[in-house]
């Protein structure tokens, strides 16, 4: 499994109902790791939320919040800059 390197401004908080380029970045990265199986549609729906929870559970066991929202504590596990 390869690493996706992203050179851009820091992505903001995305959660269910979010739309846009930050969501697309999340979808592409999560799809590359097999965590996201949906379409690359720039819409943060239930499949994105579940992918985010999967990433959070894997990388923040016992210490972090598993809420399905991708913010400052979760983005580092989604992308490596």
C-alpha atoms as a PDB file:
ATOM      1  CA  UNK A   1       0.000   0.000   0.000  1.00  0.00           C
ATOM      2  CA  UNK A   2       1.491   3.338  -1.037  1.00  0.00           C
ATOM      3  CA  UNK A   3       1.520   6.671   0.706  1.00  0.00           C
ATOM      4  CA  UNK A   4      -0.349   9.615  -0.724  1.00  0.00           C
ATOM      5  CA  UNK A   5       1.612  12.817  -0.306  1.00  0.00           C
ATOM      6  CA  UNK A   6      -0.468  15.959  -0.358  1.00  0.00           C
ATOM      7  CA  UNK A   7       0.906  19.470  -0.736  1.00  0.00           C
ATOM      8  CA  UNK A   8      -1.886  21.921  -0.035  1.00  0.00           C
ATOM      9  CA  UNK A   9      -3.325  24.027   2.737  1.00  0.00           C
ATOM     10  CA  UNK A  10      -4.505  22.185   5.809  1.00  0.00           C
ATOM     11  CA  UNK A  11      -7.915  20.628   5.326  1.00  0.00           C
ATOM     12  CA  UNK A  12     -10.719  21.711   7.625  1.00  0.00           C
ATOM     13  CA  UNK A  13     -13.298  19.803   9.626  1.00  0.00           C
ATOM     14  CA  UNK A  14     -15.515  17.629   7.476  1.00  0.00           C
ATOM     15  CA  UNK A  15     -18.515  15.687   8.709  1.00  0.00           C
ATOM     16  CA  UNK A  16     -21.796  14.233   7.499  1.00  0.00           C
ATOM     17  CA  UNK A  17     -23.346  16.770   5.134  1.00  0.00           C
ATOM     18  CA  UNK A  18     -20.048  18.425   4.150  1.00  0.00           C
ATOM     19  CA  UNK A  19     -19.317  18.887   0.447  1.00  0.00           C
ATOM     20  CA  UNK A  20     -16.306  20.065  -1.544  1.00  0.00           C
ATOM     21  CA  UNK A  21     -12.639  19.522  -2.216  1.00  0.00           C
ATOM     22  CA  UNK A  22     -11.702  18.582   1.362  1.00  0.00           C
ATOM     23  CA  UNK A  23     -14.246  15.775   1.151  1.00  0.00           C
ATOM     24  CA  UNK A  24     -12.803  14.660  -2.197  1.00  0.00           C
ATOM     25  CA  UNK A  25      -9.323  14.567  -0.656  1.00  0.00           C
ATOM     26  CA  UNK A  26     -10.641  12.443   2.205  1.00  0.00           C
ATOM     27  CA  UNK A  27     -12.417  10.104  -0.221  1.00  0.00           C
ATOM     28  CA  UNK A  28      -9.336   9.629  -2.403  1.00  0.00           C
ATOM     29  CA  UNK A  29      -7.046   8.939   0.536  1.00  0.00           C
ATOM     30  CA  UNK A  30      -9.513   6.643   2.310  1.00  0.00           C
ATOM     31  CA  UNK A  31     -10.192   4.775  -0.938  1.00  0.00           C
ATOM     32  CA  UNK A  32      -6.435   4.241  -1.427  1.00  0.00           C
ATOM     33  CA  UNK A  33      -6.243   2.510   1.960  1.00  0.00           C
ATOM     34  CA  UNK A  34      -9.416   0.496   1.365  1.00  0.00           C
ATOM     35  CA  UNK A  35     -11.356   2.292   4.092  1.00  0.00           C
ATOM     36  CA  UNK A  36     -13.790   3.998   1.694  1.00  0.00           C
ATOM     37  CA  UNK A  37     -15.710   2.061  -0.944  1.00  0.00           C
ATOM     38  CA  UNK A  38     -18.047   4.744  -2.278  1.00  0.00           C
ATOM     39  CA  UNK A  39     -17.918   7.099  -5.230  1.00  0.00           C
ATOM     40  CA  UNK A  40     -15.594  10.107  -5.450  1.00  0.00           C
ATOM     41  CA  UNK A  41     -18.467  12.591  -5.382  1.00  0.00           C
ATOM     42  CA  UNK A  42     -17.305  15.316  -2.953  1.00  0.00           C
ATOM     43  CA  UNK A  43     -20.202  14.490  -0.589  1.00  0.00           C
ATOM     44  CA  UNK A  44     -19.530  13.326   2.972  1.00  0.00           C
ATOM     45  CA  UNK A  45     -22.262  10.788   3.540  1.00  0.00           C
ATOM     46  CA  UNK A  46     -22.651   7.567   5.526  1.00  0.00           C
ATOM     47  CA  UNK A  47     -19.844   5.721   3.704  1.00  0.00           C
ATOM     48  CA  UNK A  48     -17.384   8.555   4.429  1.00  0.00           C
ATOM     49  CA  UNK A  49     -18.499   8.658   8.037  1.00  0.00           C
ATOM     50  CA  UNK A  50     -17.955   4.910   8.431  1.00  0.00           C
ATOM     51  CA  UNK A  51     -14.563   5.112   6.706  1.00  0.00           C
ATOM     52  CA  UNK A  52     -13.575   7.891   9.092  1.00  0.00           C
ATOM     53  CA  UNK A  53     -14.681   5.845  12.112  1.00  0.00           C
ATOM     54  CA  UNK A  54     -12.613   2.928  10.816  1.00  0.00           C
ATOM     55  CA  UNK A  55      -9.548   5.170  10.487  1.00  0.00           C
ATOM     56  CA  UNK A  56     -10.139   6.638  13.949  1.00  0.00           C
ATOM     57  CA  UNK A  57     -10.543   3.224  15.611  1.00  0.00           C
ATOM     58  CA  UNK A  58      -7.385   1.900  13.944  1.00  0.00           C
ATOM     59  CA  UNK A  59      -5.179   4.885  14.782  1.00  0.00           C
ATOM     60  CA  UNK A  60      -6.557   6.195  18.062  1.00  0.00           C
ATOM     61  CA  UNK A  61      -7.383   3.070  20.083  1.00  0.00           C
ATOM     62  CA  UNK A  62      -8.576   3.958  23.553  1.00  0.00           C
ATOM     63  CA  UNK A  63      -7.290   7.523  23.366  1.00  0.00           C
ATOM     64  CA  UNK A  64      -9.183   9.358  20.678  1.00  0.00           C
ATOM     65  CA  UNK A  65     -12.757  10.155  19.866  1.00  0.00           C
ATOM     66  CA  UNK A  66     -14.446   7.922  17.321  1.00  0.00           C
ATOM     67  CA  UNK A  67     -17.122  10.265  16.006  1.00  0.00           C
ATOM     68  CA  UNK A  68     -16.892   9.911  12.232  1.00  0.00           C
ATOM     69  CA  UNK A  69     -15.844  13.546  11.844  1.00  0.00           C
ATOM     70  CA  UNK A  70     -12.507  14.241  10.180  1.00  0.00           C
ATOM     71  CA  UNK A  71     -10.784  17.160  11.870  1.00  0.00           C
ATOM     72  CA  UNK A  72      -7.381  18.138  13.220  1.00  0.00           C
ATOM     73  CA  UNK A  73      -6.894  14.899  15.181  1.00  0.00           C
ATOM     74  CA  UNK A  74      -7.892  12.607  12.315  1.00  0.00           C
ATOM     75  CA  UNK A  75      -6.444  14.251   9.180  1.00  0.00           C
ATOM     76  CA  UNK A  76      -2.850  13.222  10.018  1.00  0.00           C
ATOM     77  CA  UNK A  77      -3.961   9.579   9.811  1.00  0.00           C
ATOM     78  CA  UNK A  78      -5.777  10.163   6.527  1.00  0.00           C
ATOM     79  CA  UNK A  79      -2.935  11.891   4.668  1.00  0.00           C
ATOM     80  CA  UNK A  80       0.784  12.122   5.233  1.00  0.00           C
ATOM     81  CA  UNK A  81       2.216  15.495   4.317  1.00  0.00           C
END
